[in-house]
């Protein structure tokens, strides 16, 4: 892709998100979301592959549906209450509709079916943008909304953690596994949103760091399914040794960074008297942990079959930047000891 066009598209992505961040009016925030969607579509179709075109079409249709629902709900709210302010959603009908529209935008279960299919059709770099940056603008709106229906958020959160765990069990494609991982993490964020927005933001940030590391490792190894993971020891032995730690951090095992948000969320849910919800969420994390362990096993404890689908590639020197990967990997593995400091910042 022409670097000037790429720069304009990335600028459009940034501008759309910034407009949504800065707006207090529903029309402006809707416009920011639309700019975001329209800027990423050319990035998704840049390879002109039928799968990429199919994924882009699915993405466009779901995002357009969500945006139309959001616009309809905000007009309904203006009709019922005379208010266009984001914080002034008082009527339960537009509040519920907007929550569901934003859930469809970020891919929360049960409105998640588009996410694995879309991610599977994209290359890893665009998939990384879709899994991280594209979640920011809808999340900013959900945080400002503070929906009137707390039960709806808990149902969305629990469904997402369970489906994110179940859905990834039977997958062999890495991008689909990462999509289900994304759904499960979003479920955890939504569960705690109404009780502690600061913990939600912390979870979102740690999810971004861990997902960034995972996508970059797969990109470095040029891996798109479990079979090709087995050849990674020949390309980057040190990174292959560290990769299980990154995956287990995504799964939320101590003493890795991914344990911190889950620990704080379970603590907050228990404080709010939602021990059964916390128990269900913790059990669903075991499902996710299974497929992270499966990836770790395939990457470090198996030798690839020497057939056409898993033949060992040439060990050519990599031309990719490794500083971002090194930084994010260190943060993915080592930030748990900072939990007391982060807790103090969250409560202050």
C-alpha atoms as a PDB file:
ATOM      1  CA  UNK A   1       0.000   0.000   0.000  1.00  0.00           C
ATOM      2  CA  UNK A   2       1.166   3.524  -0.821  1.00  0.00           C
ATOM      3  CA  UNK A   3       2.704   5.044   2.360  1.00  0.00           C
ATOM      4  CA  UNK A   4       0.769   8.309   1.874  1.00  0.00           C
ATOM      5  CA  UNK A   5      -2.542   6.436   1.674  1.00  0.00           C
ATOM      6  CA  UNK A   6      -1.543   4.355   4.703  1.00  0.00           C
ATOM      7  CA  UNK A   7      -0.702   7.537   6.650  1.00  0.00           C
ATOM      8  CA  UNK A   8      -4.084   9.085   5.752  1.00  0.00           C
ATOM      9  CA  UNK A   9      -5.947   5.912   6.830  1.00  0.00           C
ATOM     10  CA  UNK A  10      -4.065   5.689  10.139  1.00  0.00           C
ATOM     11  CA  UNK A  11      -4.718   9.402  10.708  1.00  0.00           C
ATOM     12  CA  UNK A  12      -8.427   8.723  10.042  1.00  0.00           C
ATOM     13  CA  UNK A  13      -8.379   5.893  12.592  1.00  0.00           C
ATOM     14  CA  UNK A  14      -6.771   8.137  15.194  1.00  0.00           C
ATOM     15  CA  UNK A  15      -9.062  11.081  14.427  1.00  0.00           C
ATOM     16  CA  UNK A  16     -12.236   8.968  14.619  1.00  0.00           C
ATOM     17  CA  UNK A  17     -11.270   7.591  18.028  1.00  0.00           C
ATOM     18  CA  UNK A  18     -10.243  11.057  19.288  1.00  0.00           C
ATOM     19  CA  UNK A  19     -13.555  12.612  18.171  1.00  0.00           C
ATOM     20  CA  UNK A  20     -15.480   9.906  20.052  1.00  0.00           C
ATOM     21  CA  UNK A  21     -13.274  10.422  23.139  1.00  0.00           C
ATOM     22  CA  UNK A  22     -13.796  14.181  23.123  1.00  0.00           C
ATOM     23  CA  UNK A  23     -17.513  14.317  22.333  1.00  0.00           C
ATOM     24  CA  UNK A  24     -20.329  14.785  24.800  1.00  0.00           C
ATOM     25  CA  UNK A  25     -22.995  14.806  22.036  1.00  0.00           C
ATOM     26  CA  UNK A  26     -24.347  11.569  20.565  1.00  0.00           C
ATOM     27  CA  UNK A  27     -24.139  12.725  16.934  1.00  0.00           C
ATOM     28  CA  UNK A  28     -20.457  13.641  17.249  1.00  0.00           C
ATOM     29  CA  UNK A  29     -19.585  10.352  18.936  1.00  0.00           C
ATOM     30  CA  UNK A  30     -21.510   8.451  16.239  1.00  0.00           C
ATOM     31  CA  UNK A  31     -19.556  10.352  13.586  1.00  0.00           C
ATOM     32  CA  UNK A  32     -16.252   9.363  15.257  1.00  0.00           C
ATOM     33  CA  UNK A  33     -17.290   5.677  15.252  1.00  0.00           C
ATOM     34  CA  UNK A  34     -18.199   5.898  11.551  1.00  0.00           C
ATOM     35  CA  UNK A  35     -14.832   7.483  10.687  1.00  0.00           C
ATOM     36  CA  UNK A  36     -13.147   4.646  12.558  1.00  0.00           C
ATOM     37  CA  UNK A  37     -15.044   2.006  10.585  1.00  0.00           C
ATOM     38  CA  UNK A  38     -14.478   3.653   7.208  1.00  0.00           C
ATOM     39  CA  UNK A  39     -10.740   4.163   7.868  1.00  0.00           C
ATOM     40  CA  UNK A  40     -10.032   0.511   8.697  1.00  0.00           C
ATOM     41  CA  UNK A  41     -11.961  -0.982   5.733  1.00  0.00           C
ATOM     42  CA  UNK A  42      -9.226  -0.223   3.109  1.00  0.00           C
ATOM     43  CA  UNK A  43      -6.613  -1.620   5.545  1.00  0.00           C
ATOM     44  CA  UNK A  44      -8.634  -4.852   5.756  1.00  0.00           C
ATOM     45  CA  UNK A  45      -8.919  -5.286   1.978  1.00  0.00           C
ATOM     46  CA  UNK A  46      -5.345  -4.303   1.071  1.00  0.00           C
ATOM     47  CA  UNK A  47      -4.370  -7.890   0.116  1.00  0.00           C
ATOM     48  CA  UNK A  48      -7.302  -8.425  -2.312  1.00  0.00           C
ATOM     49  CA  UNK A  49      -7.786 -11.983  -1.110  1.00  0.00           C
ATOM     50  CA  UNK A  50     -11.341 -13.429  -1.240  1.00  0.00           C
ATOM     51  CA  UNK A  51     -11.178 -14.173   2.505  1.00  0.00           C
ATOM     52  CA  UNK A  52     -10.135 -10.570   3.233  1.00  0.00           C
ATOM     53  CA  UNK A  53     -12.981  -9.191   1.079  1.00  0.00           C
ATOM     54  CA  UNK A  54     -15.467 -11.515   2.804  1.00  0.00           C
ATOM     55  CA  UNK A  55     -14.193 -10.503   6.256  1.00  0.00           C
ATOM     56  CA  UNK A  56     -14.398  -6.811   5.342  1.00  0.00           C
ATOM     57  CA  UNK A  57     -17.972  -7.187   4.079  1.00  0.00           C
ATOM     58  CA  UNK A  58     -19.014  -8.954   7.301  1.00  0.00           C
ATOM     59  CA  UNK A  59     -17.271  -6.296   9.381  1.00  0.00           C
ATOM     60  CA  UNK A  60     -18.890  -3.435   7.464  1.00  0.00           C
ATOM     61  CA  UNK A  61     -22.390  -4.914   7.780  1.00  0.00           C
ATOM     62  CA  UNK A  62     -22.110  -5.544  11.542  1.00  0.00           C
ATOM     63  CA  UNK A  63     -20.595  -2.113  12.232  1.00  0.00           C
ATOM     64  CA  UNK A  64     -23.218  -0.396  10.072  1.00  0.00           C
ATOM     65  CA  UNK A  65     -25.979  -2.262  11.958  1.00  0.00           C
ATOM     66  CA  UNK A  66     -24.511  -1.242  15.311  1.00  0.00           C
ATOM     67  CA  UNK A  67     -24.066   2.384  14.204  1.00  0.00           C
ATOM     68  CA  UNK A  68     -27.653   2.561  12.880  1.00  0.00           C
ATOM     69  CA  UNK A  69     -28.981   1.121  16.167  1.00  0.00           C
ATOM     70  CA  UNK A  70     -26.876   3.621  18.134  1.00  0.00           C
ATOM     71  CA  UNK A  71     -28.170   6.544  16.063  1.00  0.00           C
ATOM     72  CA  UNK A  72     -31.763   5.326  16.369  1.00  0.00           C
ATOM     73  CA  UNK A  73     -31.416   4.938  20.150  1.00  0.00           C
ATOM     74  CA  UNK A  74     -29.877   8.407  20.586  1.00  0.00           C
ATOM     75  CA  UNK A  75     -32.667   9.988  18.472  1.00  0.00           C
ATOM     76  CA  UNK A  76     -35.211   8.065  20.580  1.00  0.00           C
ATOM     77  CA  UNK A  77     -33.575   9.418  23.724  1.00  0.00           C
ATOM     78  CA  UNK A  78     -33.692  12.982  22.345  1.00  0.00           C
ATOM     79  CA  UNK A  79     -37.366  12.454  21.500  1.00  0.00           C
ATOM     80  CA  UNK A  80     -38.220  11.094  24.962  1.00  0.00           C
ATOM     81  CA  UNK A  81     -36.088  13.416  27.126  1.00  0.00           C
ATOM     82  CA  UNK A  82     -35.008  16.303  24.883  1.00  0.00           C
ATOM     83  CA  UNK A  83     -31.332  15.578  25.647  1.00  0.00           C
ATOM     84  CA  UNK A  84     -28.440  14.791  23.253  1.00  0.00           C
ATOM     85  CA  UNK A  85     -25.805  14.589  26.012  1.00  0.00           C
ATOM     86  CA  UNK A  86     -24.086  11.213  26.444  1.00  0.00           C
ATOM     87  CA  UNK A  87     -24.381  11.383  30.251  1.00  0.00           C
ATOM     88  CA  UNK A  88     -28.098  12.249  30.088  1.00  0.00           C
ATOM     89  CA  UNK A  89     -29.386   8.804  29.106  1.00  0.00           C
ATOM     90  CA  UNK A  90     -32.064   8.360  31.766  1.00  0.00           C
ATOM     91  CA  UNK A  91     -34.751   6.352  29.960  1.00  0.00           C
ATOM     92  CA  UNK A  92     -34.205   2.549  30.122  1.00  0.00           C
ATOM     93  CA  UNK A  93     -35.211   1.893  26.470  1.00  0.00           C
ATOM     94  CA  UNK A  94     -32.513   3.967  24.690  1.00  0.00           C
ATOM     95  CA  UNK A  95     -29.996   2.994  27.409  1.00  0.00           C
ATOM     96  CA  UNK A  96     -30.499  -0.726  26.729  1.00  0.00           C
ATOM     97  CA  UNK A  97     -30.445  -0.237  22.942  1.00  0.00           C
ATOM     98  CA  UNK A  98     -27.207   1.752  23.080  1.00  0.00           C
ATOM     99  CA  UNK A  99     -25.571  -0.828  25.376  1.00  0.00           C
ATOM    100  CA  UNK A 100     -26.471  -3.625  22.937  1.00  0.00           C
ATOM    101  CA  UNK A 101     -25.313  -1.585  19.914  1.00  0.00           C
ATOM    102  CA  UNK A 102     -21.914  -0.950  21.558  1.00  0.00           C
ATOM    103  CA  UNK A 103     -21.721  -4.634  22.582  1.00  0.00           C
ATOM    104  CA  UNK A 104     -22.188  -5.543  18.891  1.00  0.00           C
ATOM    105  CA  UNK A 105     -19.474  -3.041  17.929  1.00  0.00           C
ATOM    106  CA  UNK A 106     -16.822  -4.564  20.210  1.00  0.00           C
ATOM    107  CA  UNK A 107     -18.002  -8.178  19.844  1.00  0.00           C
ATOM    108  CA  UNK A 108     -19.462  -9.081  23.232  1.00  0.00           C
ATOM    109  CA  UNK A 109     -21.373 -12.378  23.397  1.00  0.00           C
ATOM    110  CA  UNK A 110     -24.096 -13.141  22.389  1.00  0.00           C
ATOM    111  CA  UNK A 111     -23.402 -10.525  19.660  1.00  0.00           C
ATOM    112  CA  UNK A 112     -19.943 -11.937  18.997  1.00  0.00           C
ATOM    113  CA  UNK A 113     -20.416 -14.240  15.982  1.00  0.00           C
ATOM    114  CA  UNK A 114     -18.818 -11.831  13.482  1.00  0.00           C
ATOM    115  CA  UNK A 115     -15.516 -11.387  15.371  1.00  0.00           C
ATOM    116  CA  UNK A 116     -13.805 -14.814  14.862  1.00  0.00           C
ATOM    117  CA  UNK A 117     -14.886 -14.907  11.195  1.00  0.00           C
ATOM    118  CA  UNK A 118     -13.643 -11.378  10.479  1.00  0.00           C
ATOM    119  CA  UNK A 119     -10.334 -11.834  12.312  1.00  0.00           C
ATOM    120  CA  UNK A 120      -9.677 -15.102  10.479  1.00  0.00           C
ATOM    121  CA  UNK A 121      -9.827 -13.319   7.115  1.00  0.00           C
ATOM    122  CA  UNK A 122      -7.292 -10.601   8.006  1.00  0.00           C
ATOM    123  CA  UNK A 123      -3.515 -10.503   8.199  1.00  0.00           C
ATOM    124  CA  UNK A 124      -2.001 -10.343  11.696  1.00  0.00           C
ATOM    125  CA  UNK A 125      -1.190  -6.592  11.638  1.00  0.00           C
ATOM    126  CA  UNK A 126      -4.741  -5.521  10.726  1.00  0.00           C
ATOM    127  CA  UNK A 127      -6.048  -8.150  13.154  1.00  0.00           C
ATOM    128  CA  UNK A 128      -4.004  -6.507  15.913  1.00  0.00           C
ATOM    129  CA  UNK A 129      -5.533  -3.091  15.113  1.00  0.00           C
ATOM    130  CA  UNK A 130      -9.013  -4.641  15.116  1.00  0.00           C
ATOM    131  CA  UNK A 131      -8.407  -6.406  18.450  1.00  0.00           C
ATOM    132  CA  UNK A 132      -6.969  -3.367  20.251  1.00  0.00           C
ATOM    133  CA  UNK A 133      -7.431   0.118  18.778  1.00  0.00           C
ATOM    134  CA  UNK A 134     -10.954  -0.489  17.439  1.00  0.00           C
ATOM    135  CA  UNK A 135     -12.177  -1.326  20.964  1.00  0.00           C
ATOM    136  CA  UNK A 136     -11.209   2.075  22.399  1.00  0.00           C
ATOM    137  CA  UNK A 137     -13.970   4.333  21.033  1.00  0.00           C
ATOM    138  CA  UNK A 138     -16.944   2.053  21.914  1.00  0.00           C
ATOM    139  CA  UNK A 139     -15.409   1.474  25.367  1.00  0.00           C
ATOM    140  CA  UNK A 140     -15.183   5.230  25.963  1.00  0.00           C
ATOM    141  CA  UNK A 141     -18.926   5.458  25.274  1.00  0.00           C
ATOM    142  CA  UNK A 142     -19.789   2.455  27.487  1.00  0.00           C
ATOM    143  CA  UNK A 143     -17.777   4.007  30.344  1.00  0.00           C
ATOM    144  CA  UNK A 144     -19.612   7.335  29.981  1.00  0.00           C
ATOM    145  CA  UNK A 145     -22.987   5.652  29.646  1.00  0.00           C
ATOM    146  CA  UNK A 146     -23.114   3.873  33.029  1.00  0.00           C
ATOM    147  CA  UNK A 147     -26.180   1.879  31.873  1.00  0.00           C
ATOM    148  CA  UNK A 148     -29.293   1.831  33.991  1.00  0.00           C
ATOM    149  CA  UNK A 149     -29.615  -1.953  33.592  1.00  0.00           C
ATOM    150  CA  UNK A 150     -26.897  -3.517  35.741  1.00  0.00           C
ATOM    151  CA  UNK A 151     -28.325  -7.020  35.136  1.00  0.00           C
ATOM    152  CA  UNK A 152     -27.805  -6.613  31.376  1.00  0.00           C
ATOM    153  CA  UNK A 153     -24.103  -5.879  31.852  1.00  0.00           C
ATOM    154  CA  UNK A 154     -23.588  -8.878  34.150  1.00  0.00           C
ATOM    155  CA  UNK A 155     -25.410 -11.172  31.666  1.00  0.00           C
ATOM    156  CA  UNK A 156     -23.301  -9.832  28.760  1.00  0.00           C
ATOM    157  CA  UNK A 157     -20.100 -10.223  30.808  1.00  0.00           C
ATOM    158  CA  UNK A 158     -20.775 -13.777  32.002  1.00  0.00           C
ATOM    159  CA  UNK A 159     -21.961 -14.932  28.556  1.00  0.00           C
ATOM    160  CA  UNK A 160     -18.808 -13.485  26.987  1.00  0.00           C
ATOM    161  CA  UNK A 161     -16.434 -15.159  29.457  1.00  0.00           C
ATOM    162  CA  UNK A 162     -18.166 -18.526  28.969  1.00  0.00           C
ATOM    163  CA  UNK A 163     -18.457 -18.347  25.157  1.00  0.00           C
ATOM    164  CA  UNK A 164     -14.907 -16.951  24.898  1.00  0.00           C
ATOM    165  CA  UNK A 165     -13.735 -20.054  26.782  1.00  0.00           C
ATOM    166  CA  UNK A 166     -15.921 -22.650  25.039  1.00  0.00           C
ATOM    167  CA  UNK A 167     -15.468 -21.262  21.544  1.00  0.00           C
ATOM    168  CA  UNK A 168     -11.679 -21.430  21.542  1.00  0.00           C
ATOM    169  CA  UNK A 169     -11.450 -25.068  22.675  1.00  0.00           C
ATOM    170  CA  UNK A 170     -11.969 -26.663  19.268  1.00  0.00           C
ATOM    171  CA  UNK A 171     -10.020 -24.170  17.123  1.00  0.00           C
ATOM    172  CA  UNK A 172      -6.797 -24.801  15.226  1.00  0.00           C
ATOM    173  CA  UNK A 173      -6.536 -21.333  13.636  1.00  0.00           C
ATOM    174  CA  UNK A 174      -4.582 -18.893  15.792  1.00  0.00           C
ATOM    175  CA  UNK A 175      -6.562 -15.821  14.728  1.00  0.00           C
ATOM    176  CA  UNK A 176      -9.847 -17.455  15.743  1.00  0.00           C
ATOM    177  CA  UNK A 177      -8.328 -18.465  19.090  1.00  0.00           C
ATOM    178  CA  UNK A 178      -7.233 -14.852  19.639  1.00  0.00           C
ATOM    179  CA  UNK A 179     -10.752 -13.669  18.718  1.00  0.00           C
ATOM    180  CA  UNK A 180     -12.303 -15.913  21.384  1.00  0.00           C
ATOM    181  CA  UNK A 181      -9.615 -14.765  23.822  1.00  0.00           C
ATOM    182  CA  UNK A 182     -10.677 -11.181  23.046  1.00  0.00           C
ATOM    183  CA  UNK A 183     -14.366 -12.021  23.705  1.00  0.00           C
ATOM    184  CA  UNK A 184     -13.481 -13.601  27.083  1.00  0.00           C
ATOM    185  CA  UNK A 185     -11.347 -10.616  28.172  1.00  0.00           C
ATOM    186  CA  UNK A 186     -14.076  -8.157  27.154  1.00  0.00           C
ATOM    187  CA  UNK A 187     -16.496 -10.165  29.297  1.00  0.00           C
ATOM    188  CA  UNK A 188     -14.266  -9.659  32.355  1.00  0.00           C
ATOM    189  CA  UNK A 189     -14.103  -5.905  31.679  1.00  0.00           C
ATOM    190  CA  UNK A 190     -17.879  -5.574  31.313  1.00  0.00           C
ATOM    191  CA  UNK A 191     -18.516  -7.576  34.521  1.00  0.00           C
ATOM    192  CA  UNK A 192     -16.735  -5.027  36.705  1.00  0.00           C
ATOM    193  CA  UNK A 193     -17.597  -1.903  34.674  1.00  0.00           C
ATOM    194  CA  UNK A 194     -20.472  -0.611  36.822  1.00  0.00           C
ATOM    195  CA  UNK A 195     -18.651  -1.225  40.117  1.00  0.00           C
ATOM    196  CA  UNK A 196     -15.165   0.071  39.303  1.00  0.00           C
ATOM    197  CA  UNK A 197     -14.530   1.760  35.923  1.00  0.00           C
ATOM    198  CA  UNK A 198     -10.849   2.218  36.887  1.00  0.00           C
ATOM    199  CA  UNK A 199     -10.365  -1.578  37.150  1.00  0.00           C
ATOM    200  CA  UNK A 200     -12.054  -1.922  33.733  1.00  0.00           C
ATOM    201  CA  UNK A 201      -9.539   0.524  32.242  1.00  0.00           C
ATOM    202  CA  UNK A 202      -6.643  -1.330  33.898  1.00  0.00           C
ATOM    203  CA  UNK A 203      -7.934  -4.644  32.470  1.00  0.00           C
ATOM    204  CA  UNK A 204      -8.257  -3.063  29.011  1.00  0.00           C
ATOM    205  CA  UNK A 205      -4.679  -1.760  29.194  1.00  0.00           C
ATOM    206  CA  UNK A 206      -3.186  -5.094  30.312  1.00  0.00           C
ATOM    207  CA  UNK A 207      -5.243  -6.905  27.636  1.00  0.00           C
ATOM    208  CA  UNK A 208      -3.779  -4.546  25.007  1.00  0.00           C
ATOM    209  CA  UNK A 209      -0.208  -5.214  26.168  1.00  0.00           C
ATOM    210  CA  UNK A 210      -0.662  -9.017  26.242  1.00  0.00           C
ATOM    211  CA  UNK A 211      -2.478  -9.155  22.885  1.00  0.00           C
ATOM    212  CA  UNK A 212       0.172  -6.899  21.320  1.00  0.00           C
ATOM    213  CA  UNK A 213       2.907  -9.345  22.427  1.00  0.00           C
ATOM    214  CA  UNK A 214       0.988 -12.392  21.184  1.00  0.00           C
ATOM    215  CA  UNK A 215       0.208 -10.946  17.741  1.00  0.00           C
ATOM    216  CA  UNK A 216       3.814  -9.761  17.292  1.00  0.00           C
ATOM    217  CA  UNK A 217       5.209 -13.206  18.143  1.00  0.00           C
ATOM    218  CA  UNK A 218       2.860 -14.883  15.656  1.00  0.00           C
ATOM    219  CA  UNK A 219       3.798 -12.256  13.068  1.00  0.00           C
ATOM    220  CA  UNK A 220       7.520 -12.828  13.663  1.00  0.00           C
ATOM    221  CA  UNK A 221       7.041 -16.590  13.233  1.00  0.00           C
ATOM    222  CA  UNK A 222       4.574 -16.142  10.357  1.00  0.00           C
ATOM    223  CA  UNK A 223       2.246 -18.576  12.138  1.00  0.00           C
ATOM    224  CA  UNK A 224      -1.463 -18.719  11.387  1.00  0.00           C
ATOM    225  CA  UNK A 225      -2.400 -22.157  12.759  1.00  0.00           C
ATOM    226  CA  UNK A 226      -1.282 -24.521  15.524  1.00  0.00           C
ATOM    227  CA  UNK A 227       0.600 -26.757  13.075  1.00  0.00           C
ATOM    228  CA  UNK A 228       2.998 -23.999  12.014  1.00  0.00           C
ATOM    229  CA  UNK A 229       3.719 -23.085  15.662  1.00  0.00           C
ATOM    230  CA  UNK A 230       5.805 -26.254  15.978  1.00  0.00           C
ATOM    231  CA  UNK A 231       8.422 -24.833  13.586  1.00  0.00           C
ATOM    232  CA  UNK A 232       9.008 -21.664  15.637  1.00  0.00           C
ATOM    233  CA  UNK A 233      11.819 -23.189  17.753  1.00  0.00           C
ATOM    234  CA  UNK A 234      13.981 -23.252  14.610  1.00  0.00           C
ATOM    235  CA  UNK A 235      13.419 -19.538  13.916  1.00  0.00           C
ATOM    236  CA  UNK A 236      13.571 -17.894  17.360  1.00  0.00           C
ATOM    237  CA  UNK A 237      14.534 -20.291  20.173  1.00  0.00           C
ATOM    238  CA  UNK A 238      14.642 -17.652  22.941  1.00  0.00           C
ATOM    239  CA  UNK A 239      11.260 -16.238  21.962  1.00  0.00           C
ATOM    240  CA  UNK A 240       9.791 -19.750  21.771  1.00  0.00           C
ATOM    241  CA  UNK A 241      10.923 -20.300  25.369  1.00  0.00           C
ATOM    242  CA  UNK A 242       9.226 -17.060  26.471  1.00  0.00           C
ATOM    243  CA  UNK A 243       6.020 -17.563  24.487  1.00  0.00           C
ATOM    244  CA  UNK A 244       4.341 -19.952  27.001  1.00  0.00           C
ATOM    245  CA  UNK A 245       4.748 -17.229  29.640  1.00  0.00           C
ATOM    246  CA  UNK A 246       2.990 -14.704  27.374  1.00  0.00           C
ATOM    247  CA  UNK A 247       0.147 -17.182  26.716  1.00  0.00           C
ATOM    248  CA  UNK A 248      -0.205 -18.105  30.406  1.00  0.00           C
ATOM    249  CA  UNK A 249      -0.249 -14.392  31.243  1.00  0.00           C
ATOM    250  CA  UNK A 250      -3.200 -14.070  28.809  1.00  0.00           C
ATOM    251  CA  UNK A 251      -4.792 -16.961  30.698  1.00  0.00           C
ATOM    252  CA  UNK A 252      -4.348 -15.093  33.988  1.00  0.00           C
ATOM    253  CA  UNK A 253      -1.937 -17.338  35.894  1.00  0.00           C
ATOM    254  CA  UNK A 254       0.183 -15.935  38.740  1.00  0.00           C
ATOM    255  CA  UNK A 255       2.941 -14.707  38.971  1.00  0.00           C
ATOM    256  CA  UNK A 256       2.387 -13.076  35.543  1.00  0.00           C
ATOM    257  CA  UNK A 257       0.863  -9.699  34.667  1.00  0.00           C
ATOM    258  CA  UNK A 258      -2.438 -11.193  33.416  1.00  0.00           C
ATOM    259  CA  UNK A 259      -3.284 -12.378  36.951  1.00  0.00           C
ATOM    260  CA  UNK A 260      -3.503  -8.793  38.280  1.00  0.00           C
ATOM    261  CA  UNK A 261      -6.744  -7.620  36.576  1.00  0.00           C
ATOM    262  CA  UNK A 262      -8.509 -10.959  37.194  1.00  0.00           C
ATOM    263  CA  UNK A 263      -7.523 -10.833  40.875  1.00  0.00           C
ATOM    264  CA  UNK A 264      -8.793  -7.261  41.285  1.00  0.00           C
ATOM    265  CA  UNK A 265     -12.036  -8.033  39.390  1.00  0.00           C
ATOM    266  CA  UNK A 266     -12.804 -11.134  41.498  1.00  0.00           C
ATOM    267  CA  UNK A 267     -12.061  -9.125  44.658  1.00  0.00           C
ATOM    268  CA  UNK A 268     -14.396  -6.293  43.561  1.00  0.00           C
ATOM    269  CA  UNK A 269     -17.218  -8.670  42.572  1.00  0.00           C
ATOM    270  CA  UNK A 270     -16.953 -10.430  45.954  1.00  0.00           C
ATOM    271  CA  UNK A 271     -17.078  -7.061  47.753  1.00  0.00           C
ATOM    272  CA  UNK A 272     -20.289  -6.242  45.859  1.00  0.00           C
ATOM    273  CA  UNK A 273     -21.902  -9.475  47.088  1.00  0.00           C
ATOM    274  CA  UNK A 274     -21.669 -11.218  43.714  1.00  0.00           C
ATOM    275  CA  UNK A 275     -19.732 -14.312  44.821  1.00  0.00           C
ATOM    276  CA  UNK A 276     -21.630 -16.712  42.462  1.00  0.00           C
ATOM    277  CA  UNK A 277     -20.853 -14.433  39.486  1.00  0.00           C
ATOM    278  CA  UNK A 278     -17.183 -14.274  40.518  1.00  0.00           C
ATOM    279  CA  UNK A 279     -17.075 -18.092  40.833  1.00  0.00           C
ATOM    280  CA  UNK A 280     -18.585 -18.574  37.352  1.00  0.00           C
ATOM    281  CA  UNK A 281     -16.143 -16.080  35.849  1.00  0.00           C
ATOM    282  CA  UNK A 282     -13.175 -17.809  37.539  1.00  0.00           C
ATOM    283  CA  UNK A 283     -14.333 -21.222  36.267  1.00  0.00           C
ATOM    284  CA  UNK A 284     -14.735 -19.866  32.734  1.00  0.00           C
ATOM    285  CA  UNK A 285     -11.121 -18.640  32.916  1.00  0.00           C
ATOM    286  CA  UNK A 286     -10.108 -22.326  33.204  1.00  0.00           C
ATOM    287  CA  UNK A 287     -11.654 -22.981  29.782  1.00  0.00           C
ATOM    288  CA  UNK A 288      -9.547 -20.207  28.245  1.00  0.00           C
ATOM    289  CA  UNK A 289      -6.501 -21.498  30.098  1.00  0.00           C
ATOM    290  CA  UNK A 290      -6.896 -24.888  28.389  1.00  0.00           C
ATOM    291  CA  UNK A 291      -6.424 -23.521  24.872  1.00  0.00           C
ATOM    292  CA  UNK A 292      -3.526 -21.282  25.950  1.00  0.00           C
ATOM    293  CA  UNK A 293      -1.858 -24.397  27.400  1.00  0.00           C
ATOM    294  CA  UNK A 294      -2.597 -26.212  24.139  1.00  0.00           C
ATOM    295  CA  UNK A 295      -0.803 -23.467  22.189  1.00  0.00           C
ATOM    296  CA  UNK A 296       2.132 -23.553  24.638  1.00  0.00           C
ATOM    297  CA  UNK A 297       2.394 -27.326  24.259  1.00  0.00           C
ATOM    298  CA  UNK A 298       2.302 -27.136  20.444  1.00  0.00           C
ATOM    299  CA  UNK A 299       4.946 -24.424  20.416  1.00  0.00           C
ATOM    300  CA  UNK A 300       7.493 -25.751  22.901  1.00  0.00           C
ATOM    301  CA  UNK A 301       6.983 -29.481  23.406  1.00  0.00           C
ATOM    302  CA  UNK A 302       6.324 -30.776  19.889  1.00  0.00           C
ATOM    303  CA  UNK A 303       8.507 -31.091  16.801  1.00  0.00           C
ATOM    304  CA  UNK A 304       6.763 -30.225  13.555  1.00  0.00           C
ATOM    305  CA  UNK A 305       5.718 -32.960  11.138  1.00  0.00           C
ATOM    306  CA  UNK A 306       7.784 -32.860   7.926  1.00  0.00           C
ATOM    307  CA  UNK A 307       4.832 -32.809   5.586  1.00  0.00           C
ATOM    308  CA  UNK A 308       3.846 -30.011   3.225  1.00  0.00           C
ATOM    309  CA  UNK A 309       1.603 -28.214   5.715  1.00  0.00           C
ATOM    310  CA  UNK A 310       4.218 -28.151   8.469  1.00  0.00           C
ATOM    311  CA  UNK A 311       7.577 -28.184   6.702  1.00  0.00           C
ATOM    312  CA  UNK A 312      10.407 -26.333   8.416  1.00  0.00           C
ATOM    313  CA  UNK A 313      10.948 -22.933   6.751  1.00  0.00           C
ATOM    314  CA  UNK A 314      14.261 -21.379   5.793  1.00  0.00           C
ATOM    315  CA  UNK A 315      15.973 -19.588   8.667  1.00  0.00           C
ATOM    316  CA  UNK A 316      16.322 -16.213   7.011  1.00  0.00           C
ATOM    317  CA  UNK A 317      17.289 -13.193   9.143  1.00  0.00           C
ATOM    318  CA  UNK A 318      14.185 -11.310  10.296  1.00  0.00           C
ATOM    319  CA  UNK A 319      13.667  -7.754   9.068  1.00  0.00           C
ATOM    320  CA  UNK A 320      11.013  -6.932  11.661  1.00  0.00           C
ATOM    321  CA  UNK A 321      11.483  -4.487  14.522  1.00  0.00           C
ATOM    322  CA  UNK A 322      11.955  -6.385  17.766  1.00  0.00           C
ATOM    323  CA  UNK A 323      12.054  -3.487  20.270  1.00  0.00           C
ATOM    324  CA  UNK A 324       8.241  -3.195  20.543  1.00  0.00           C
ATOM    325  CA  UNK A 325       8.027  -6.970  21.010  1.00  0.00           C
ATOM    326  CA  UNK A 326      10.770  -6.993  23.663  1.00  0.00           C
ATOM    327  CA  UNK A 327       9.119  -4.154  25.613  1.00  0.00           C
ATOM    328  CA  UNK A 328       5.597  -5.598  25.495  1.00  0.00           C
ATOM    329  CA  UNK A 329       6.864  -9.107  26.375  1.00  0.00           C
ATOM    330  CA  UNK A 330       8.692  -7.771  29.443  1.00  0.00           C
ATOM    331  CA  UNK A 331       5.512  -5.940  30.514  1.00  0.00           C
ATOM    332  CA  UNK A 332       3.342  -9.016  29.831  1.00  0.00           C
ATOM    333  CA  UNK A 333       5.480 -11.173  32.116  1.00  0.00           C
ATOM    334  CA  UNK A 334       6.794  -8.911  34.879  1.00  0.00           C
ATOM    335  CA  UNK A 335       4.218  -6.317  36.026  1.00  0.00           C
ATOM    336  CA  UNK A 336       2.451  -8.299  38.780  1.00  0.00           C
ATOM    337  CA  UNK A 337       4.685  -6.945  41.632  1.00  0.00           C
ATOM    338  CA  UNK A 338       3.379  -3.445  40.821  1.00  0.00           C
ATOM    339  CA  UNK A 339      -0.167  -4.439  41.864  1.00  0.00           C
ATOM    340  CA  UNK A 340      -0.084  -2.631  45.272  1.00  0.00           C
ATOM    341  CA  UNK A 341       1.076   0.596  43.598  1.00  0.00           C
ATOM    342  CA  UNK A 342      -1.591   0.288  40.891  1.00  0.00           C
ATOM    343  CA  UNK A 343      -4.287  -0.464  43.505  1.00  0.00           C
ATOM    344  CA  UNK A 344      -3.245   2.651  45.424  1.00  0.00           C
ATOM    345  CA  UNK A 345      -3.493   4.714  42.217  1.00  0.00           C
ATOM    346  CA  UNK A 346      -6.928   3.264  41.432  1.00  0.00           C
ATOM    347  CA  UNK A 347      -8.334   4.054  44.867  1.00  0.00           C
ATOM    348  CA  UNK A 348      -6.808   7.520  45.163  1.00  0.00           C
END
